Amino acid sequence: MFEVAREKNRTRHLAFRTEQAYLHWIRRYVKFHGRKHPRNMGSAEVEAFLSHLAVEAKVAASTQNQALQALLFLYRQVLDVDLPWLENVTRASRPKRLPVVLSNAEVRSVLAQLDGTSWLMANLLYGSGLRLMEAHRLRVKDLVLDREELIVRDAKGGKDRVTVLPAAIIAPIREHLAKLFDRFRRQRKLREPGVSGSLASGASRCIAGYSVIRRL
């Protein structure tokens, strides 16, 4: 069942973290009901589990909703069972909070405490609006420095998107890439494992697949 759930996730091009979260909640659901097979359970068991999360586990509303989506995915996509409307679920309370937004001065203060790769990543998150994992997955080939743009590959919903690259970090990025290229050349000369490509003609193509956020 778990292998089928994993395959269905990947067929629908859901994010890897979504896949992990869904499998986690399916396991907890099965364990909560004494390891009964989900096909032998229905809406009453789903409602009991979700209410348990809210009342006893005291999870946040967003966490309970994630568990609900995971179980709906399990029944509809994996088991091909359409659950009736879940009316008897005790909902987790959703606290009302104002969004916390840093002022320009506060952002500059935070960035001033950083340096090196951490500073570069923070500027990409703030200036380009990247999510954390999008910054981690960013590759050299995705940077279009002349147009002050970058391409986010396989973003939310499995789609690519183009976003801005702040002009203030173009020079630091060029300097960072130069250091990456020098490191690649040293590793290639030493024939370190995992480093390939012709030093004379293929280095630029090989380094294009390097992660931008790579500690030197």
N, C-alpha and C. Protein backbone atom coordinates (compact mmCIF):
# COMPACT_ATOMS: atom_id res chain seq x y z
N MET A 1 0.82 -1.21 0.00
CA MET A 1 0.00 0.00 0.00
C MET A 1 0.86 1.26 0.00
N PHE A 2 1.94 1.24 0.82
CA PHE A 2 2.79 2.42 0.89
C PHE A 2 3.54 2.64 -0.42
N GLU A 3 3.93 1.56 -1.08
CA GLU A 3 4.60 1.69 -2.37
C GLU A 3 3.65 2.27 -3.41
N VAL A 4 2.39 1.85 -3.36
CA VAL A 4 1.40 2.39 -4.29
C VAL A 4 1.18 3.87 -4.01
N ALA A 5 1.11 4.23 -2.72
CA ALA A 5 0.93 5.65 -2.36
C ALA A 5 2.10 6.48 -2.86
N ARG A 6 3.32 5.94 -2.71
CA ARG A 6 4.51 6.66 -3.18
C ARG A 6 4.46 6.84 -4.71
N GLU A 7 4.05 5.77 -5.41
CA GLU A 7 3.97 5.84 -6.87
C GLU A 7 2.91 6.85 -7.33
N LYS A 8 1.77 6.86 -6.63
CA LYS A 8 0.70 7.81 -6.98
C LYS A 8 1.16 9.25 -6.76
N ASN A 9 1.91 9.48 -5.69
CA ASN A 9 2.45 10.81 -5.44
C ASN A 9 3.32 11.27 -6.58
N ARG A 10 4.19 10.39 -7.03
CA ARG A 10 5.15 10.76 -8.07
C ARG A 10 4.48 10.87 -9.44
N THR A 11 3.45 10.06 -9.66
CA THR A 11 2.70 10.18 -10.92
C THR A 11 2.01 11.53 -11.02
N ARG A 12 1.56 12.04 -9.87
CA ARG A 12 0.88 13.34 -9.84
C ARG A 12 1.85 14.49 -9.69
N HIS A 13 3.16 14.19 -9.66
CA HIS A 13 4.22 15.20 -9.58
C HIS A 13 4.11 16.06 -8.32
N LEU A 14 3.72 15.43 -7.22
CA LEU A 14 3.69 16.16 -5.96
C LEU A 14 5.11 16.33 -5.43
N ALA A 15 5.31 17.35 -4.64
CA ALA A 15 6.65 17.61 -4.10
C ALA A 15 7.08 16.45 -3.21
N PHE A 16 8.41 16.24 -3.14
CA PHE A 16 8.94 15.14 -2.33
C PHE A 16 8.55 15.30 -0.87
N ARG A 17 8.54 16.53 -0.38
CA ARG A 17 8.15 16.76 1.01
C ARG A 17 6.68 16.45 1.24
N THR A 18 5.85 16.69 0.24
CA THR A 18 4.44 16.32 0.34
C THR A 18 4.31 14.81 0.43
N GLU A 19 5.08 14.11 -0.39
CA GLU A 19 5.09 12.65 -0.35
C GLU A 19 5.47 12.15 1.04
N GLN A 20 6.53 12.71 1.61
CA GLN A 20 6.96 12.29 2.94
C GLN A 20 5.89 12.56 3.98
N ALA A 21 5.27 13.73 3.90
CA ALA A 21 4.22 14.09 4.87
C ALA A 21 3.02 13.15 4.75
N TYR A 22 2.58 12.87 3.53
CA TYR A 22 1.43 11.99 3.33
C TYR A 22 1.71 10.59 3.88
N LEU A 23 2.89 10.04 3.59
CA LEU A 23 3.23 8.71 4.09
C LEU A 23 3.29 8.70 5.61
N HIS A 24 3.79 9.78 6.19
CA HIS A 24 3.86 9.88 7.65
C HIS A 24 2.46 9.80 8.25
N TRP A 25 1.51 10.55 7.69
CA TRP A 25 0.16 10.55 8.26
C TRP A 25 -0.57 9.25 8.01
N ILE A 26 -0.32 8.62 6.91
CA ILE A 26 -0.95 7.31 6.64
C ILE A 26 -0.45 6.29 7.67
N ARG A 27 0.85 6.31 7.95
CA ARG A 27 1.40 5.38 8.96
C ARG A 27 0.78 5.65 10.33
N ARG A 28 0.66 6.92 10.70
CA ARG A 28 0.08 7.25 12.01
C ARG A 28 -1.38 6.84 12.09
N TYR A 29 -2.09 7.00 11.01
CA TYR A 29 -3.50 6.61 10.96
C TYR A 29 -3.65 5.10 11.16
N VAL A 30 -2.83 4.33 10.44
CA VAL A 30 -2.89 2.87 10.56
C VAL A 30 -2.50 2.43 11.97
N LYS A 31 -1.46 3.03 12.52
CA LYS A 31 -1.01 2.68 13.87
C LYS A 31 -2.06 3.05 14.91
N PHE A 32 -2.73 4.18 14.73
CA PHE A 32 -3.74 4.65 15.68
C PHE A 32 -4.88 3.64 15.80
N HIS A 33 -5.21 2.99 14.70
CA HIS A 33 -6.33 2.03 14.69
C HIS A 33 -5.84 0.58 14.78
N GLY A 34 -4.72 0.38 15.48
CA GLY A 34 -4.26 -0.98 15.73
C GLY A 34 -3.78 -1.71 14.51
N ARG A 35 -3.25 -0.96 13.55
CA ARG A 35 -2.68 -1.51 12.31
C ARG A 35 -3.72 -2.24 11.44
N LYS A 36 -4.96 -1.81 11.53
CA LYS A 36 -5.97 -2.32 10.61
C LYS A 36 -5.71 -1.76 9.22
N HIS A 37 -6.05 -2.52 8.20
CA HIS A 37 -5.87 -2.03 6.83
C HIS A 37 -6.89 -0.93 6.56
N PRO A 38 -6.47 0.18 5.96
CA PRO A 38 -7.41 1.29 5.69
C PRO A 38 -8.63 0.87 4.88
N ARG A 39 -8.49 -0.16 4.04
CA ARG A 39 -9.65 -0.59 3.24
C ARG A 39 -10.76 -1.13 4.13
N ASN A 40 -10.39 -1.60 5.32
CA ASN A 40 -11.38 -2.12 6.26
C ASN A 40 -11.89 -1.04 7.21
N MET A 41 -11.53 0.19 6.96
CA MET A 41 -12.00 1.31 7.77
C MET A 41 -12.68 2.32 6.85
N GLY A 42 -13.32 3.30 7.46
CA GLY A 42 -14.03 4.29 6.66
C GLY A 42 -14.07 5.65 7.31
N SER A 43 -15.14 6.39 7.06
CA SER A 43 -15.21 7.77 7.52
C SER A 43 -15.21 7.87 9.04
N ALA A 44 -15.81 6.89 9.74
CA ALA A 44 -15.85 6.95 11.20
C ALA A 44 -14.43 6.90 11.78
N GLU A 45 -13.59 6.04 11.21
CA GLU A 45 -12.22 5.93 11.69
C GLU A 45 -11.40 7.17 11.34
N VAL A 46 -11.66 7.73 10.16
CA VAL A 46 -10.96 8.95 9.77
C VAL A 46 -11.34 10.09 10.71
N GLU A 47 -12.63 10.22 10.99
CA GLU A 47 -13.09 11.27 11.91
C GLU A 47 -12.50 11.10 13.30
N ALA A 48 -12.43 9.84 13.77
CA ALA A 48 -11.88 9.58 15.11
C ALA A 48 -10.41 9.98 15.17
N PHE A 49 -9.66 9.67 14.12
CA PHE A 49 -8.23 10.00 14.10
C PHE A 49 -8.03 11.51 14.05
N LEU A 50 -8.77 12.19 13.20
CA LEU A 50 -8.61 13.64 13.07
C LEU A 50 -9.04 14.36 14.35
N SER A 51 -10.09 13.87 15.00
CA SER A 51 -10.52 14.46 16.26
C SER A 51 -9.48 14.23 17.35
N HIS A 52 -8.86 13.05 17.33
CA HIS A 52 -7.79 12.76 18.28
C HIS A 52 -6.64 13.75 18.13
N LEU A 53 -6.30 14.08 16.90
CA LEU A 53 -5.21 15.04 16.67
C LEU A 53 -5.54 16.39 17.28
N ALA A 54 -6.80 16.82 17.15
CA ALA A 54 -7.19 18.14 17.65
C ALA A 54 -7.34 18.15 19.16
N VAL A 55 -8.00 17.12 19.73
CA VAL A 55 -8.36 17.14 21.15
C VAL A 55 -7.22 16.67 22.04
N GLU A 56 -6.58 15.57 21.67
CA GLU A 56 -5.56 14.97 22.54
C GLU A 56 -4.15 15.37 22.13
N ALA A 57 -3.85 15.31 20.84
CA ALA A 57 -2.51 15.69 20.39
C ALA A 57 -2.35 17.20 20.33
N LYS A 58 -3.48 17.92 20.28
CA LYS A 58 -3.50 19.38 20.28
C LYS A 58 -2.62 19.97 19.16
N VAL A 59 -2.79 19.42 17.96
CA VAL A 59 -2.03 19.92 16.82
C VAL A 59 -2.65 21.21 16.31
N ALA A 60 -1.90 21.94 15.52
CA ALA A 60 -2.40 23.16 14.90
C ALA A 60 -3.41 22.82 13.81
N ALA A 61 -4.23 23.79 13.45
CA ALA A 61 -5.24 23.57 12.41
C ALA A 61 -4.60 23.18 11.09
N SER A 62 -3.46 23.79 10.76
CA SER A 62 -2.79 23.46 9.50
C SER A 62 -2.28 22.03 9.51
N THR A 63 -1.83 21.55 10.67
CA THR A 63 -1.35 20.17 10.79
C THR A 63 -2.50 19.19 10.62
N GLN A 64 -3.63 19.49 11.26
CA GLN A 64 -4.79 18.63 11.12
C GLN A 64 -5.27 18.59 9.66
N ASN A 65 -5.23 19.73 9.00
CA ASN A 65 -5.66 19.78 7.61
C ASN A 65 -4.72 18.98 6.71
N GLN A 66 -3.42 19.02 7.03
CA GLN A 66 -2.46 18.21 6.27
C GLN A 66 -2.76 16.73 6.42
N ALA A 67 -3.08 16.31 7.65
CA ALA A 67 -3.43 14.91 7.89
C ALA A 67 -4.69 14.53 7.11
N LEU A 68 -5.68 15.45 7.10
CA LEU A 68 -6.91 15.20 6.34
C LEU A 68 -6.61 15.02 4.86
N GLN A 69 -5.79 15.89 4.29
CA GLN A 69 -5.46 15.79 2.87
C GLN A 69 -4.74 14.48 2.57
N ALA A 70 -3.89 14.05 3.49
CA ALA A 70 -3.17 12.78 3.30
C ALA A 70 -4.13 11.60 3.27
N LEU A 71 -5.13 11.61 4.16
CA LEU A 71 -6.08 10.50 4.22
C LEU A 71 -7.04 10.54 3.03
N LEU A 72 -7.43 11.73 2.60
CA LEU A 72 -8.25 11.82 1.39
C LEU A 72 -7.48 11.29 0.18
N PHE A 73 -6.19 11.62 0.12
CA PHE A 73 -5.35 11.10 -0.96
C PHE A 73 -5.28 9.57 -0.90
N LEU A 74 -5.12 9.05 0.32
CA LEU A 74 -5.04 7.59 0.50
C LEU A 74 -6.29 6.91 -0.03
N TYR A 75 -7.45 7.39 0.39
CA TYR A 75 -8.70 6.71 0.00
C TYR A 75 -9.07 6.95 -1.46
N ARG A 76 -8.93 8.19 -1.92
CA ARG A 76 -9.38 8.49 -3.27
C ARG A 76 -8.41 8.04 -4.34
N GLN A 77 -7.11 8.26 -4.12
CA GLN A 77 -6.12 8.00 -5.17
C GLN A 77 -5.49 6.61 -5.07
N VAL A 78 -5.30 6.12 -3.84
CA VAL A 78 -4.61 4.84 -3.66
C VAL A 78 -5.60 3.68 -3.59
N LEU A 79 -6.64 3.82 -2.76
CA LEU A 79 -7.60 2.73 -2.56
C LEU A 79 -8.82 2.85 -3.46
N ASP A 80 -8.97 3.98 -4.15
CA ASP A 80 -10.11 4.23 -5.03
C ASP A 80 -11.43 4.09 -4.28
N VAL A 81 -11.45 4.70 -3.09
CA VAL A 81 -12.65 4.71 -2.25
C VAL A 81 -13.03 6.16 -2.00
N ASP A 82 -14.28 6.50 -2.28
CA ASP A 82 -14.74 7.88 -2.09
C ASP A 82 -15.41 7.99 -0.73
N LEU A 83 -14.75 8.69 0.20
CA LEU A 83 -15.30 8.85 1.54
C LEU A 83 -16.49 9.81 1.52
N PRO A 84 -17.51 9.53 2.33
CA PRO A 84 -18.60 10.52 2.47
C PRO A 84 -18.09 11.74 3.20
N TRP A 85 -18.88 12.80 3.18
CA TRP A 85 -18.48 14.05 3.82
C TRP A 85 -18.24 13.83 5.32
N LEU A 86 -17.09 14.33 5.79
CA LEU A 86 -16.72 14.14 7.19
C LEU A 86 -17.32 15.28 8.03
N GLU A 87 -18.42 15.00 8.69
CA GLU A 87 -19.14 16.04 9.42
C GLU A 87 -18.84 16.06 10.91
N ASN A 88 -18.31 14.96 11.45
CA ASN A 88 -18.17 14.85 12.90
C ASN A 88 -16.74 14.99 13.37
N VAL A 89 -15.95 15.71 12.64
CA VAL A 89 -14.55 15.93 13.03
C VAL A 89 -14.48 17.15 13.94
N THR A 90 -13.81 16.98 15.09
CA THR A 90 -13.53 18.12 15.95
C THR A 90 -12.35 18.89 15.36
N ARG A 91 -12.59 20.12 14.97
CA ARG A 91 -11.56 20.90 14.28
C ARG A 91 -10.59 21.52 15.27
N ALA A 92 -9.32 21.50 14.91
CA ALA A 92 -8.32 22.20 15.71
C ALA A 92 -8.55 23.70 15.59
N SER A 93 -8.40 24.40 16.69
CA SER A 93 -8.62 25.86 16.66
C SER A 93 -7.51 26.54 15.90
N ARG A 94 -7.89 27.52 15.14
CA ARG A 94 -6.92 28.28 14.34
C ARG A 94 -6.70 29.64 14.99
N PRO A 95 -5.54 29.85 15.61
CA PRO A 95 -5.31 31.13 16.29
C PRO A 95 -5.27 32.28 15.29
N LYS A 96 -5.78 33.42 15.74
CA LYS A 96 -5.78 34.61 14.89
C LYS A 96 -4.57 35.46 15.25
N ARG A 97 -3.66 35.57 14.32
CA ARG A 97 -2.45 36.34 14.55
C ARG A 97 -2.21 37.28 13.37
N LEU A 98 -1.68 38.42 13.67
CA LEU A 98 -1.27 39.33 12.61
C LEU A 98 0.04 38.82 12.01
N PRO A 99 0.21 38.96 10.70
CA PRO A 99 1.47 38.51 10.09
C PRO A 99 2.64 39.35 10.59
N VAL A 100 3.76 38.67 10.79
CA VAL A 100 4.97 39.35 11.25
C VAL A 100 5.79 39.75 10.02
N VAL A 101 5.94 41.03 9.81
CA VAL A 101 6.68 41.54 8.64
C VAL A 101 7.82 42.42 9.14
N LEU A 102 9.03 42.10 8.70
CA LEU A 102 10.18 42.89 9.10
C LEU A 102 10.22 44.20 8.31
N SER A 103 10.63 45.24 8.95
CA SER A 103 10.84 46.51 8.25
C SER A 103 12.14 46.44 7.45
N ASN A 104 12.36 47.40 6.56
CA ASN A 104 13.60 47.43 5.78
C ASN A 104 14.82 47.51 6.69
N ALA A 105 14.71 48.30 7.75
CA ALA A 105 15.85 48.44 8.68
C ALA A 105 16.12 47.12 9.39
N GLU A 106 15.07 46.39 9.75
CA GLU A 106 15.24 45.11 10.43
C GLU A 106 15.85 44.07 9.49
N VAL A 107 15.43 44.09 8.24
CA VAL A 107 16.02 43.16 7.26
C VAL A 107 17.51 43.45 7.09
N ARG A 108 17.88 44.73 6.96
CA ARG A 108 19.29 45.08 6.83
C ARG A 108 20.07 44.66 8.07
N SER A 109 19.45 44.78 9.24
CA SER A 109 20.12 44.39 10.48
C SER A 109 20.38 42.89 10.51
N VAL A 110 19.39 42.10 10.07
CA VAL A 110 19.57 40.63 10.03
C VAL A 110 20.67 40.25 9.05
N LEU A 111 20.63 40.84 7.85
CA LEU A 111 21.63 40.51 6.83
C LEU A 111 23.03 40.91 7.27
N ALA A 112 23.12 41.97 8.07
CA ALA A 112 24.42 42.43 8.53
C ALA A 112 25.09 41.43 9.48
N GLN A 113 24.28 40.54 10.06
CA GLN A 113 24.83 39.53 10.98
C GLN A 113 25.36 38.30 10.24
N LEU A 114 25.15 38.26 8.93
CA LEU A 114 25.52 37.08 8.14
C LEU A 114 26.71 37.39 7.26
N ASP A 115 27.36 36.33 6.82
CA ASP A 115 28.43 36.49 5.83
C ASP A 115 28.55 35.21 5.01
N GLY A 116 29.36 35.27 3.98
CA GLY A 116 29.62 34.10 3.15
C GLY A 116 28.38 33.52 2.50
N THR A 117 28.30 32.19 2.49
CA THR A 117 27.19 31.50 1.83
C THR A 117 25.86 31.80 2.51
N SER A 118 25.87 31.92 3.84
CA SER A 118 24.63 32.22 4.56
C SER A 118 24.07 33.58 4.14
N TRP A 119 24.95 34.55 3.97
CA TRP A 119 24.52 35.88 3.53
C TRP A 119 23.93 35.82 2.12
N LEU A 120 24.59 35.05 1.25
CA LEU A 120 24.12 34.94 -0.13
C LEU A 120 22.75 34.27 -0.18
N MET A 121 22.57 33.21 0.60
CA MET A 121 21.29 32.51 0.60
C MET A 121 20.18 33.42 1.15
N ALA A 122 20.46 34.12 2.23
CA ALA A 122 19.45 35.00 2.82
C ALA A 122 19.04 36.08 1.83
N ASN A 123 19.97 36.61 1.08
CA ASN A 123 19.64 37.63 0.08
C ASN A 123 18.80 37.05 -1.05
N LEU A 124 19.05 35.81 -1.43
CA LEU A 124 18.24 35.17 -2.45
C LEU A 124 16.82 34.93 -1.94
N LEU A 125 16.70 34.49 -0.69
CA LEU A 125 15.38 34.27 -0.11
C LEU A 125 14.58 35.57 -0.06
N TYR A 126 15.24 36.63 0.39
CA TYR A 126 14.53 37.90 0.57
C TYR A 126 14.35 38.65 -0.75
N GLY A 127 15.43 38.75 -1.53
CA GLY A 127 15.37 39.57 -2.74
C GLY A 127 14.67 38.91 -3.92
N SER A 128 14.75 37.57 -3.99
CA SER A 128 14.14 36.87 -5.13
C SER A 128 12.86 36.14 -4.75
N GLY A 129 12.53 36.16 -3.45
CA GLY A 129 11.29 35.51 -3.02
C GLY A 129 11.34 34.00 -3.12
N LEU A 130 12.52 33.41 -2.90
CA LEU A 130 12.64 31.97 -3.01
C LEU A 130 12.23 31.28 -1.71
N ARG A 131 11.67 30.10 -1.83
CA ARG A 131 11.48 29.24 -0.66
C ARG A 131 12.83 28.63 -0.31
N LEU A 132 12.93 28.11 0.92
CA LEU A 132 14.21 27.61 1.40
C LEU A 132 14.76 26.51 0.50
N MET A 133 13.93 25.51 0.16
CA MET A 133 14.42 24.40 -0.65
C MET A 133 14.67 24.84 -2.09
N GLU A 134 13.97 25.85 -2.57
CA GLU A 134 14.24 26.37 -3.91
C GLU A 134 15.64 26.97 -3.97
N ALA A 135 16.04 27.66 -2.89
CA ALA A 135 17.39 28.22 -2.86
C ALA A 135 18.43 27.11 -2.79
N HIS A 136 18.14 26.06 -2.04
CA HIS A 136 19.08 24.93 -1.93
C HIS A 136 19.25 24.23 -3.28
N ARG A 137 18.17 24.15 -4.06
CA ARG A 137 18.23 23.42 -5.34
C ARG A 137 18.69 24.29 -6.51
N LEU A 138 18.88 25.56 -6.27
CA LEU A 138 19.26 26.47 -7.36
C LEU A 138 20.62 26.07 -7.94
N ARG A 139 20.68 26.00 -9.27
CA ARG A 139 21.90 25.60 -9.96
C ARG A 139 22.49 26.79 -10.73
N VAL A 140 23.78 26.69 -10.99
CA VAL A 140 24.47 27.77 -11.69
C VAL A 140 23.80 28.06 -13.03
N LYS A 141 23.36 27.00 -13.72
CA LYS A 141 22.75 27.18 -15.04
C LYS A 141 21.41 27.92 -14.97
N ASP A 142 20.84 28.04 -13.76
CA ASP A 142 19.55 28.71 -13.61
C ASP A 142 19.69 30.22 -13.42
N LEU A 143 20.92 30.72 -13.34
CA LEU A 143 21.15 32.15 -13.17
C LEU A 143 21.30 32.83 -14.52
N VAL A 144 20.59 33.92 -14.72
CA VAL A 144 20.72 34.73 -15.94
C VAL A 144 21.17 36.10 -15.46
N LEU A 145 22.46 36.24 -15.22
CA LEU A 145 22.97 37.45 -14.57
C LEU A 145 22.81 38.68 -15.44
N ASP A 146 22.97 38.55 -16.75
CA ASP A 146 22.87 39.73 -17.63
C ASP A 146 21.48 40.34 -17.60
N ARG A 147 20.47 39.52 -17.38
CA ARG A 147 19.09 40.02 -17.35
C ARG A 147 18.58 40.18 -15.91
N GLU A 148 19.45 39.90 -14.95
CA GLU A 148 19.08 39.99 -13.53
C GLU A 148 17.86 39.13 -13.24
N GLU A 149 17.93 37.88 -13.69
CA GLU A 149 16.84 36.92 -13.51
C GLU A 149 17.41 35.59 -13.05
N LEU A 150 16.54 34.79 -12.47
CA LEU A 150 16.90 33.39 -12.20
C LEU A 150 15.67 32.54 -12.45
N ILE A 151 15.92 31.28 -12.77
CA ILE A 151 14.85 30.34 -13.09
C ILE A 151 14.72 29.36 -11.93
N VAL A 152 13.52 29.27 -11.37
CA VAL A 152 13.24 28.32 -10.30
C VAL A 152 12.66 27.07 -10.95
N ARG A 153 13.40 25.97 -10.86
CA ARG A 153 12.98 24.72 -11.51
C ARG A 153 12.09 23.90 -10.58
N ASP A 154 11.07 23.28 -11.18
CA ASP A 154 10.20 22.35 -10.44
C ASP A 154 9.71 22.98 -9.14
N ALA A 155 9.15 24.17 -9.24
CA ALA A 155 8.66 24.89 -8.06
C ALA A 155 7.32 24.30 -7.63
N LYS A 156 6.61 25.02 -6.77
CA LYS A 156 5.35 24.52 -6.26
C LYS A 156 4.40 24.20 -7.41
N GLY A 157 3.79 23.02 -7.36
CA GLY A 157 2.92 22.60 -8.45
C GLY A 157 3.68 21.96 -9.60
N GLY A 158 5.00 21.74 -9.41
CA GLY A 158 5.81 21.11 -10.44
C GLY A 158 6.10 22.00 -11.63
N LYS A 159 5.94 23.32 -11.48
CA LYS A 159 6.14 24.25 -12.59
C LYS A 159 7.42 25.05 -12.40
N ASP A 160 8.01 25.46 -13.52
CA ASP A 160 9.15 26.38 -13.48
C ASP A 160 8.62 27.81 -13.46
N ARG A 161 9.42 28.71 -12.89
CA ARG A 161 9.05 30.12 -12.92
C ARG A 161 10.31 30.97 -12.99
N VAL A 162 10.15 32.18 -13.52
CA VAL A 162 11.25 33.13 -13.62
C VAL A 162 11.00 34.23 -12.61
N THR A 163 12.02 34.60 -11.86
CA THR A 163 11.88 35.67 -10.89
C THR A 163 13.09 36.59 -10.96
N VAL A 164 13.02 37.69 -10.24
CA VAL A 164 14.08 38.70 -10.33
C VAL A 164 15.29 38.29 -9.49
N LEU A 165 16.43 38.79 -9.92
CA LEU A 165 17.68 38.63 -9.17
C LEU A 165 18.13 40.02 -8.77
N PRO A 166 18.17 40.34 -7.48
CA PRO A 166 18.51 41.71 -7.06
C PRO A 166 19.85 42.17 -7.60
N ALA A 167 19.87 43.38 -8.15
CA ALA A 167 21.10 43.91 -8.72
C ALA A 167 22.21 44.02 -7.67
N ALA A 168 21.83 44.22 -6.41
CA ALA A 168 22.82 44.40 -5.35
C ALA A 168 23.65 43.16 -5.08
N ILE A 169 23.16 41.99 -5.50
CA ILE A 169 23.94 40.77 -5.22
C ILE A 169 24.55 40.15 -6.47
N ILE A 170 24.45 40.85 -7.61
CA ILE A 170 25.05 40.32 -8.83
C ILE A 170 26.56 40.16 -8.66
N ALA A 171 27.24 41.20 -8.18
CA ALA A 171 28.69 41.14 -8.01
C ALA A 171 29.10 40.06 -7.01
N PRO A 172 28.45 39.96 -5.83
CA PRO A 172 28.79 38.87 -4.91
C PRO A 172 28.56 37.48 -5.51
N ILE A 173 27.52 37.35 -6.35
CA ILE A 173 27.29 36.05 -6.98
C ILE A 173 28.39 35.73 -7.97
N ARG A 174 28.82 36.72 -8.76
CA ARG A 174 29.91 36.50 -9.71
C ARG A 174 31.18 36.07 -8.97
N GLU A 175 31.45 36.71 -7.85
CA GLU A 175 32.63 36.36 -7.06
C GLU A 175 32.49 34.93 -6.50
N HIS A 176 31.31 34.60 -6.04
CA HIS A 176 31.05 33.26 -5.51
C HIS A 176 31.22 32.20 -6.61
N LEU A 177 30.71 32.49 -7.81
CA LEU A 177 30.84 31.54 -8.92
C LEU A 177 32.29 31.36 -9.33
N ALA A 178 33.06 32.43 -9.29
CA ALA A 178 34.49 32.33 -9.61
C ALA A 178 35.20 31.39 -8.64
N LYS A 179 34.82 31.47 -7.36
CA LYS A 179 35.41 30.57 -6.37
C LYS A 179 34.97 29.13 -6.61
N LEU A 180 33.70 28.95 -7.01
CA LEU A 180 33.23 27.60 -7.34
C LEU A 180 34.02 27.02 -8.51
N PHE A 181 34.26 27.86 -9.52
CA PHE A 181 34.99 27.39 -10.70
C PHE A 181 36.42 26.99 -10.33
N ASP A 182 37.07 27.80 -9.51
CA ASP A 182 38.43 27.47 -9.06
C ASP A 182 38.44 26.17 -8.28
N ARG A 183 37.43 26.00 -7.43
CA ARG A 183 37.35 24.76 -6.65
C ARG A 183 37.17 23.56 -7.57
N PHE A 184 36.32 23.72 -8.59
CA PHE A 184 36.10 22.64 -9.54
C PHE A 184 37.41 22.26 -10.24
N ARG A 185 38.16 23.25 -10.64
CA ARG A 185 39.42 22.99 -11.33
C ARG A 185 40.40 22.23 -10.42
N ARG A 186 40.47 22.62 -9.16
CA ARG A 186 41.36 21.93 -8.22
C ARG A 186 40.93 20.48 -8.03
N GLN A 187 39.63 20.27 -7.87
CA GLN A 187 39.12 18.92 -7.68
C GLN A 187 39.36 18.06 -8.91
N ARG A 188 39.21 18.68 -10.08
CA ARG A 188 39.41 17.93 -11.33
C ARG A 188 40.86 17.53 -11.47
N LYS A 189 41.78 18.41 -11.12
CA LYS A 189 43.20 18.08 -11.21
C LYS A 189 43.57 16.93 -10.26
N LEU A 190 42.92 16.93 -9.09
CA LEU A 190 43.19 15.88 -8.10
C LEU A 190 42.41 14.60 -8.39
N ARG A 191 41.59 14.63 -9.44
CA ARG A 191 40.76 13.49 -9.84
C ARG A 191 39.89 13.00 -8.68
N GLU A 192 39.29 13.96 -7.98
CA GLU A 192 38.42 13.58 -6.87
C GLU A 192 37.15 12.93 -7.41
N PRO A 193 36.60 11.93 -6.68
CA PRO A 193 35.38 11.26 -7.15
C PRO A 193 34.21 12.22 -7.24
N GLY A 194 33.37 12.00 -8.25
CA GLY A 194 32.19 12.84 -8.44
C GLY A 194 32.44 14.08 -9.27
N VAL A 195 33.70 14.31 -9.68
CA VAL A 195 34.03 15.47 -10.51
C VAL A 195 34.43 14.96 -11.87
N SER A 196 33.70 15.34 -12.91
CA SER A 196 33.96 14.84 -14.25
C SER A 196 34.02 15.98 -15.23
N GLY A 197 34.33 15.65 -16.44
CA GLY A 197 34.36 16.66 -17.50
C GLY A 197 35.77 17.05 -17.87
N SER A 198 35.97 17.42 -19.14
CA SER A 198 37.27 17.84 -19.61
C SER A 198 37.65 19.18 -19.00
N LEU A 199 38.81 19.25 -18.42
CA LEU A 199 39.26 20.50 -17.79
C LEU A 199 39.44 21.58 -18.85
N ALA A 200 39.80 21.18 -20.04
CA ALA A 200 40.08 22.17 -21.08
C ALA A 200 38.80 22.74 -21.68
N SER A 201 37.81 21.86 -21.93
CA SER A 201 36.65 22.34 -22.67
C SER A 201 35.32 22.12 -21.97
N GLY A 202 35.27 21.23 -20.99
CA GLY A 202 33.97 20.88 -20.42
C GLY A 202 33.70 21.44 -19.05
N ALA A 203 34.63 22.18 -18.49
CA ALA A 203 34.46 22.64 -17.11
C ALA A 203 33.24 23.52 -16.95
N SER A 204 33.02 24.43 -17.90
CA SER A 204 31.88 25.33 -17.78
C SER A 204 30.57 24.57 -17.83
N ARG A 205 30.52 23.53 -18.69
CA ARG A 205 29.28 22.75 -18.77
C ARG A 205 29.05 21.96 -17.50
N CYS A 206 30.13 21.41 -16.91
CA CYS A 206 29.99 20.61 -15.70
C CYS A 206 29.58 21.46 -14.51
N ILE A 207 30.20 22.61 -14.39
CA ILE A 207 29.92 23.45 -13.23
C ILE A 207 28.53 24.06 -13.32
N ALA A 208 27.94 24.05 -14.53
CA ALA A 208 26.58 24.59 -14.68
C ALA A 208 25.59 23.82 -13.82
N GLY A 209 25.89 22.55 -13.53
CA GLY A 209 25.00 21.74 -12.71
C GLY A 209 25.31 21.85 -11.23
N TYR A 210 26.32 22.64 -10.86
CA TYR A 210 26.64 22.83 -9.45
C TYR A 210 25.53 23.59 -8.73
N SER A 211 25.37 23.28 -7.45
CA SER A 211 24.49 24.07 -6.62
C SER A 211 25.12 25.44 -6.38
N VAL A 212 24.30 26.50 -6.51
CA VAL A 212 24.81 27.83 -6.22
C VAL A 212 25.16 27.95 -4.74
N ILE A 213 24.29 27.40 -3.89
CA ILE A 213 24.53 27.46 -2.44
C ILE A 213 25.40 26.29 -2.05
N ARG A 214 26.68 26.44 -2.31
CA ARG A 214 27.66 25.40 -2.02
C ARG A 214 28.76 26.03 -1.16
N ARG A 215 28.97 25.44 -0.01
CA ARG A 215 29.98 26.01 0.89
C ARG A 215 31.37 25.72 0.36
N LEU A 216 32.22 26.75 0.39
CA LEU A 216 33.55 26.62 -0.16
C LEU A 216 34.54 26.22 0.92
